[in-house]
Protein backbone atom coordinates (compact mmCIF):
# COMPACT_ATOMS: atom_id res chain seq x y z
CA MET A 1 78.03 109.48 97.10
CA THR A 2 75.29 110.02 99.72
CA SER A 3 76.39 108.09 102.83
CA GLN A 4 74.43 105.96 104.91
CA LEU A 5 73.80 108.58 107.56
CA ASP A 6 72.95 110.93 105.45
CA SER A 7 70.25 108.80 104.10
CA LEU A 8 69.29 107.74 107.26
CA LYS A 9 68.82 111.28 108.42
CA GLN A 10 65.99 111.83 105.36
CA HIS A 11 63.74 108.75 107.40
CA THR A 12 64.65 109.24 110.86
CA GLN A 13 65.93 111.62 113.68
CA ILE A 14 69.03 111.13 114.92
CA VAL A 15 70.12 111.09 118.51
CA ALA A 16 73.80 110.93 119.81
CA ASP A 17 73.92 108.17 122.42
CA THR A 18 77.01 109.48 124.36
CA GLY A 19 77.95 112.09 126.86
CA ASP A 20 81.19 112.85 124.72
CA ILE A 21 81.06 116.60 124.04
CA GLU A 22 83.70 116.74 121.31
CA ALA A 23 81.66 113.74 119.40
CA ILE A 24 78.92 115.74 119.44
CA ARG A 25 80.47 118.96 118.18
CA ARG A 26 81.70 116.64 115.75
CA LEU A 27 78.81 114.29 114.60
CA GLN A 28 75.99 117.13 114.91
CA PRO A 29 73.11 114.90 115.93
CA VAL A 30 69.29 116.64 116.57
CA ASP A 31 69.44 115.21 120.23
CA ALA A 32 71.91 113.58 122.88
CA THR A 33 71.39 110.83 125.17
CA THR A 34 73.29 110.42 128.73
CA ASN A 35 72.87 107.24 131.27
CA PRO A 36 74.94 106.66 134.45
CA SER A 37 77.60 104.95 132.39
CA LEU A 38 78.20 107.27 129.76
CA LEU A 39 78.52 110.09 132.53
CA LEU A 40 80.94 107.84 134.26
CA LYS A 41 83.06 107.52 131.56
CA ALA A 42 82.93 111.39 130.56
CA ALA A 43 83.79 111.90 134.19
CA GLN A 44 87.34 110.11 133.64
CA GLN A 45 88.04 111.95 130.86
CA PRO A 46 90.72 115.34 131.96
CA ALA A 47 88.25 117.32 129.60
CA TYR A 48 85.60 117.02 132.18
CA SER A 49 87.75 117.72 135.11
CA HIS A 50 86.36 121.46 135.41
CA LEU A 51 82.58 120.18 135.53
CA LEU A 52 83.89 117.70 138.18
CA ASP A 53 85.20 120.29 140.55
CA GLN A 54 82.49 122.88 140.16
CA ALA A 55 79.91 119.94 140.61
CA LEU A 56 81.55 119.26 144.17
CA ARG A 57 81.66 123.25 145.05
CA ASP A 58 78.17 123.38 144.21
CA SER A 59 77.19 120.60 146.35
CA ALA A 60 79.67 121.89 149.22
CA GLY A 61 81.80 118.75 148.64
CA SER A 62 80.02 116.95 151.43
CA TYR A 63 80.12 112.72 151.41
CA GLU A 64 76.61 113.01 152.24
CA ARG A 65 75.96 115.01 149.10
CA LEU A 66 77.43 112.83 146.53
CA ALA A 67 74.55 112.16 145.11
CA ASP A 68 73.96 115.68 144.80
CA ALA A 69 76.98 116.12 143.03
CA CYS A 70 76.19 113.52 140.70
CA ASP A 71 72.96 115.26 139.57
CA LEU A 72 75.07 118.68 139.14
CA PHE A 73 77.52 116.91 137.05
CA ALA A 74 74.97 115.07 135.09
CA ILE A 75 73.20 118.81 135.01
CA ALA A 76 76.45 120.52 133.66
CA VAL A 77 77.28 118.10 131.01
CA GLY A 78 73.65 118.17 129.76
CA LYS A 79 73.95 121.93 129.51
CA GLU A 80 77.30 121.82 127.51
CA ILE A 81 75.21 119.25 125.01
CA THR A 82 72.25 121.84 124.78
CA GLN A 83 75.05 124.33 123.32
CA LEU A 84 75.70 121.95 120.67
CA VAL A 85 72.25 120.22 119.54
CA PRO A 86 69.13 122.08 118.68
CA GLY A 87 66.75 119.73 120.31
CA ARG A 88 66.97 117.89 123.66
CA VAL A 89 69.43 116.03 126.15
CA SER A 90 68.37 113.20 128.12
CA THR A 91 69.21 112.89 131.72
CA GLU A 92 68.51 109.72 133.75
CA VAL A 93 67.01 109.41 137.43
CA ASP A 94 69.02 107.37 139.74
CA ALA A 95 68.28 103.88 138.71
CA ARG A 96 68.57 103.28 142.65
CA LEU A 97 65.10 104.58 142.66
CA SER A 98 63.44 102.82 139.79
CA PHE A 99 60.84 100.98 142.35
CA ASP A 100 59.94 103.95 144.33
CA ARG A 101 57.33 106.25 142.48
CA ARG A 102 57.78 109.16 144.89
CA ALA A 103 61.57 109.49 145.05
CA THR A 104 61.42 109.01 141.23
CA LEU A 105 59.25 112.35 141.06
CA ASN A 106 61.26 114.04 143.33
CA LYS A 107 64.53 113.39 141.92
CA ALA A 108 63.26 114.19 138.59
CA ARG A 109 61.71 117.32 139.47
CA LYS A 110 65.02 118.32 141.34
CA LEU A 111 66.83 117.72 137.75
CA ILE A 112 64.37 120.02 135.96
CA GLU A 113 64.99 122.83 138.57
CA GLY A 114 68.66 122.36 138.52
CA TYR A 115 68.58 122.94 134.75
CA GLU A 116 66.25 125.81 134.98
CA ARG A 117 68.45 127.28 137.12
CA ASN A 118 71.39 127.03 134.62
CA GLY A 119 69.12 128.61 132.07
CA ILE A 120 68.24 125.58 130.40
CA SER A 121 64.36 125.46 129.75
CA ARG A 122 62.75 122.24 130.63
CA ASP A 123 61.50 121.84 126.94
CA ARG A 124 65.47 121.28 126.23
CA VAL A 125 65.31 118.14 128.54
CA LEU A 126 63.62 114.68 128.81
CA ILE A 127 64.22 112.73 132.50
CA LYS A 128 64.99 109.20 131.83
CA ILE A 129 63.56 106.74 133.81
CA ALA A 130 63.82 102.87 133.93
CA ALA A 131 60.45 101.74 132.53
CA THR A 132 59.29 99.64 135.53
CA TRP A 133 55.46 100.04 136.79
CA GLU A 134 56.88 102.66 139.26
CA GLY A 135 58.90 104.51 136.74
CA ILE A 136 56.34 104.63 134.23
CA GLN A 137 53.57 106.25 136.94
CA ALA A 138 56.00 108.54 138.05
CA ALA A 139 56.39 109.63 134.39
CA ALA A 140 52.36 110.17 133.85
CA GLU A 141 52.37 112.34 136.81
CA LEU A 142 55.92 114.44 135.40
CA GLU A 143 54.11 114.73 131.99
CA LYS A 144 51.32 116.58 133.71
CA GLU A 145 53.82 119.03 135.08
CA ASP A 146 55.37 119.62 131.41
CA ILE A 147 58.27 117.54 132.45
CA GLN A 148 58.74 115.12 129.56
CA CYS A 149 60.10 111.98 129.74
CA ASN A 150 62.46 109.25 127.99
CA LEU A 151 61.52 105.76 129.42
CA THR A 152 64.55 103.78 129.13
CA LEU A 153 65.52 99.71 129.78
CA LEU A 154 62.77 98.94 127.67
CA PHE A 155 62.47 95.42 126.59
CA SER A 156 58.81 93.99 126.83
CA PHE A 157 55.73 94.63 125.02
CA ALA A 158 54.19 95.34 128.22
CA GLN A 159 56.59 98.32 129.06
CA ALA A 160 55.67 99.57 125.83
CA GLN A 161 51.95 99.61 126.22
CA ALA A 162 52.02 100.82 129.54
CA CYS A 163 54.10 103.71 128.41
CA ALA A 164 51.85 104.51 125.90
CA ASP A 165 48.82 104.55 128.29
CA ALA A 166 50.68 106.94 130.83
CA GLY A 167 51.43 109.47 127.61
CA VAL A 168 55.10 109.56 128.06
CA TYR A 169 57.12 111.65 125.45
CA LEU A 170 59.35 109.12 124.40
CA ILE A 171 60.42 105.33 124.94
CA SER A 172 64.09 104.16 124.11
CA PRO A 173 63.79 99.75 123.53
CA PHE A 174 66.57 98.47 123.79
CA VAL A 175 67.61 96.81 120.29
CA GLY A 176 71.02 95.50 121.38
CA ARG A 177 70.60 94.09 124.45
CA ILE A 178 67.64 92.01 123.14
CA TYR A 179 69.99 90.67 120.53
CA ASP A 180 72.51 90.03 123.23
CA TRP A 181 70.10 87.72 124.91
CA TYR A 182 68.88 85.91 122.22
CA LYS A 183 71.80 85.27 120.73
CA ALA A 184 73.43 83.96 124.35
CA ARG A 185 70.30 81.65 124.51
CA GLU A 186 70.11 80.06 121.15
CA GLY A 187 73.75 79.99 120.09
CA ARG A 188 73.74 81.85 116.93
CA ASP A 189 73.70 84.97 115.49
CA PHE A 190 71.01 87.27 113.88
CA SER A 191 70.94 89.65 111.31
CA GLY A 192 68.82 92.07 109.34
CA LEU A 193 64.86 91.86 109.55
CA GLU A 194 65.16 88.83 111.59
CA ASP A 195 67.16 90.11 114.76
CA PRO A 196 64.76 89.96 117.58
CA GLY A 197 65.82 93.12 118.84
CA VAL A 198 64.46 94.66 115.52
CA GLU A 199 61.56 92.51 115.55
CA SER A 200 60.67 94.25 119.00
CA VAL A 201 61.33 97.94 118.34
CA ALA A 202 59.45 97.28 114.91
CA ARG A 203 56.20 95.54 116.66
CA ILE A 204 56.21 98.45 119.32
CA TYR A 205 56.18 100.74 116.24
CA ARG A 206 53.36 99.13 114.13
CA TYR A 207 51.32 99.28 117.67
CA TYR A 208 51.75 103.08 118.25
CA LYS A 209 51.05 104.26 115.09
CA HIS A 210 48.31 101.97 114.22
CA HIS A 211 46.66 103.10 117.61
CA LEU A 212 47.70 106.72 116.98
CA TYR A 213 49.63 106.62 120.18
CA SER A 214 51.68 109.90 120.17
CA THR A 215 54.86 108.80 122.33
CA VAL A 216 58.15 108.76 120.31
CA VAL A 217 59.41 105.41 119.44
CA MET A 218 63.60 105.63 119.57
CA GLY A 219 65.40 102.39 119.22
CA ALA A 220 68.53 102.24 121.23
CA SER A 221 71.47 99.96 122.27
CA PHE A 222 72.63 99.25 118.74
CA ARG A 223 75.50 96.26 118.26
CA ASN A 224 75.88 96.73 114.70
CA SER A 225 75.03 99.01 111.65
CA GLY A 226 72.84 96.76 110.15
CA GLN A 227 70.30 96.64 113.28
CA ILE A 228 70.15 100.57 112.73
CA ALA A 229 69.48 99.95 109.01
CA ALA A 230 66.90 97.45 109.57
CA LEU A 231 64.97 100.18 111.62
CA THR A 232 65.18 102.75 108.75
CA GLY A 233 62.12 104.89 109.19
CA CYS A 234 61.57 104.77 113.15
CA ASP A 235 60.75 108.11 114.69
CA ARG A 236 64.05 107.81 116.26
CA LEU A 237 67.18 106.18 116.90
CA THR A 238 69.81 106.96 119.50
CA ILE A 239 73.14 105.77 118.13
CA SER A 240 76.81 105.73 119.43
CA PRO A 241 79.68 107.94 118.15
CA ALA A 242 81.56 104.79 116.72
CA LEU A 243 78.18 103.44 114.52
CA LEU A 244 77.50 107.26 113.44
CA GLU A 245 80.93 107.02 112.10
CA GLU A 246 80.61 104.29 110.27
CA LEU A 247 77.55 105.08 108.70
CA ALA A 248 78.63 108.34 107.59
CA ALA A 249 81.94 106.44 106.16
CA THR A 250 79.74 103.95 104.54
CA PRO A 251 78.24 105.01 101.10
CA GLY A 252 74.72 103.98 100.05
CA GLU A 253 70.92 104.50 100.27
CA LEU A 254 68.63 103.30 103.24
CA THR A 255 64.96 103.09 102.81
CA PRO A 256 62.28 102.52 105.40
CA SER A 257 61.93 99.03 106.91
CA PRO A 258 59.27 96.67 105.62
CA LEU A 259 59.13 95.83 109.35
CA LEU A 260 57.60 99.17 110.24
CA GLN A 261 54.38 98.48 108.21
CA GLY A 262 51.90 96.06 108.65
CA SER A 263 49.18 94.90 111.08
CA ALA A 264 49.39 95.65 114.92
CA GLU A 265 47.87 93.91 118.00
CA PRO A 266 44.47 95.02 119.08
CA ARG A 267 44.85 97.96 121.76
CA GLN A 268 44.96 96.50 125.39
CA LYS A 269 45.35 98.85 128.53
CA LEU A 270 47.21 96.96 131.15
CA GLU A 271 46.15 97.67 134.71
CA GLU A 272 49.32 97.01 137.46
CA ILE A 273 48.68 93.17 138.09
CA ASP A 274 48.33 92.71 134.14
CA PHE A 275 51.31 94.48 133.57
CA ARG A 276 53.14 92.70 136.03
CA TRP A 277 51.99 89.36 134.82
CA ALA A 278 52.63 90.02 130.90
CA HIS A 279 56.15 91.30 131.78
CA ASN A 280 56.84 88.44 134.30
CA GLU A 281 56.16 86.01 131.19
CA ASP A 282 58.97 87.67 129.16
CA ALA A 283 62.05 85.79 130.42
CA MET A 284 64.23 88.11 128.46
CA ALA A 285 62.62 91.34 129.54
CA THR A 286 62.49 90.12 132.84
CA GLU A 287 66.26 89.53 133.15
CA LYS A 288 67.58 92.21 130.89
CA LEU A 289 65.59 95.01 133.33
CA ALA A 290 66.76 93.83 136.32
CA GLU A 291 70.18 93.54 134.92
CA GLY A 292 70.09 96.95 133.51
CA ILE A 293 68.90 98.85 136.84
CA ARG A 294 71.87 96.95 138.38
CA ALA A 295 74.53 97.65 136.01
CA PHE A 296 73.29 101.60 135.94
CA ALA A 297 73.19 101.68 139.85
CA ALA A 298 76.44 100.42 140.02
CA ASP A 299 78.00 103.16 137.78
CA GLN A 300 76.02 105.81 139.70
CA VAL A 301 78.04 104.30 142.75
CA LYS A 302 81.06 104.27 140.81
CA LEU A 303 80.58 108.01 139.80
CA GLU A 304 79.71 108.70 143.48
CA GLN A 305 83.19 107.39 144.71
CA LEU A 306 85.21 109.11 141.73
CA LEU A 307 83.57 112.42 143.08
CA ALA A 308 84.40 111.25 146.73
CA ASN A 309 87.84 110.61 145.95
CA ARG A 310 88.44 113.96 144.13
CA ALA A 311 86.85 116.01 147.11
CA ALA A 312 89.37 113.88 149.75
CA SER A 313 92.41 114.85 147.29
CA ALA A 314 91.31 118.53 147.13
CA ALA A 315 90.80 118.83 150.91
């Protein structure tokens, strides 16, 4: 009998939301995404200790170069993933650079150069950048250099509009975190087509398709399999190993969501002042973007500390 995962694959490209190499090997997705939180989790597993040590050696083990060691570790994990997936791996720019266009550009170029030194061509990598105004403008420049980008921590329609006009390759709207915010605010649960996170992605998808944008919509941050089922037919969905395994174990047919069909808002190109105001007017998006940047930055610091402790113990 067909599983929900097999059925989903007929309509949507599946991406593994994990840095766990064994999980990727087992689940065989097309692409994989990582972020500072997933890399921190991977770094605490014995299977990755050799990659941590290599990153420290290559960065000279210097405390001043811990950020370099983190980048090298991310590249090493990404390289391992590219051996297991036919598509791409997403590697994230340090979240502490989210409001610095120039620093984001430099970090993205450095990550791509690191991949290329390791024999991984840039067409196998997406650079993940927080969808701030500065991040979106950096991505617009990178795309012109054939460095394709995945704009993450995307919560507002304004972010999606700006990303499309910037010509970014892919966006990752965060279904689960939107759901979390509305559930806490309204004190009730949501399911299926009424889920505000699902509705947000569907609205963006309709807008992109209606206005013929080429930017890929990849729903992310799922809390349950019902959210995934409700977005069947979206370009891509990045899903945790636990939910992928649940879908694989559940028999049934999934069909394209009716939410992905229908009308869309008129096309609107946002200048910076328009973007900032429209994003500011969305309380959920404003809070979740700031929260997400803080959380990823905190995990980046923890990863640096883990590397520092490892370097000190080896000294």
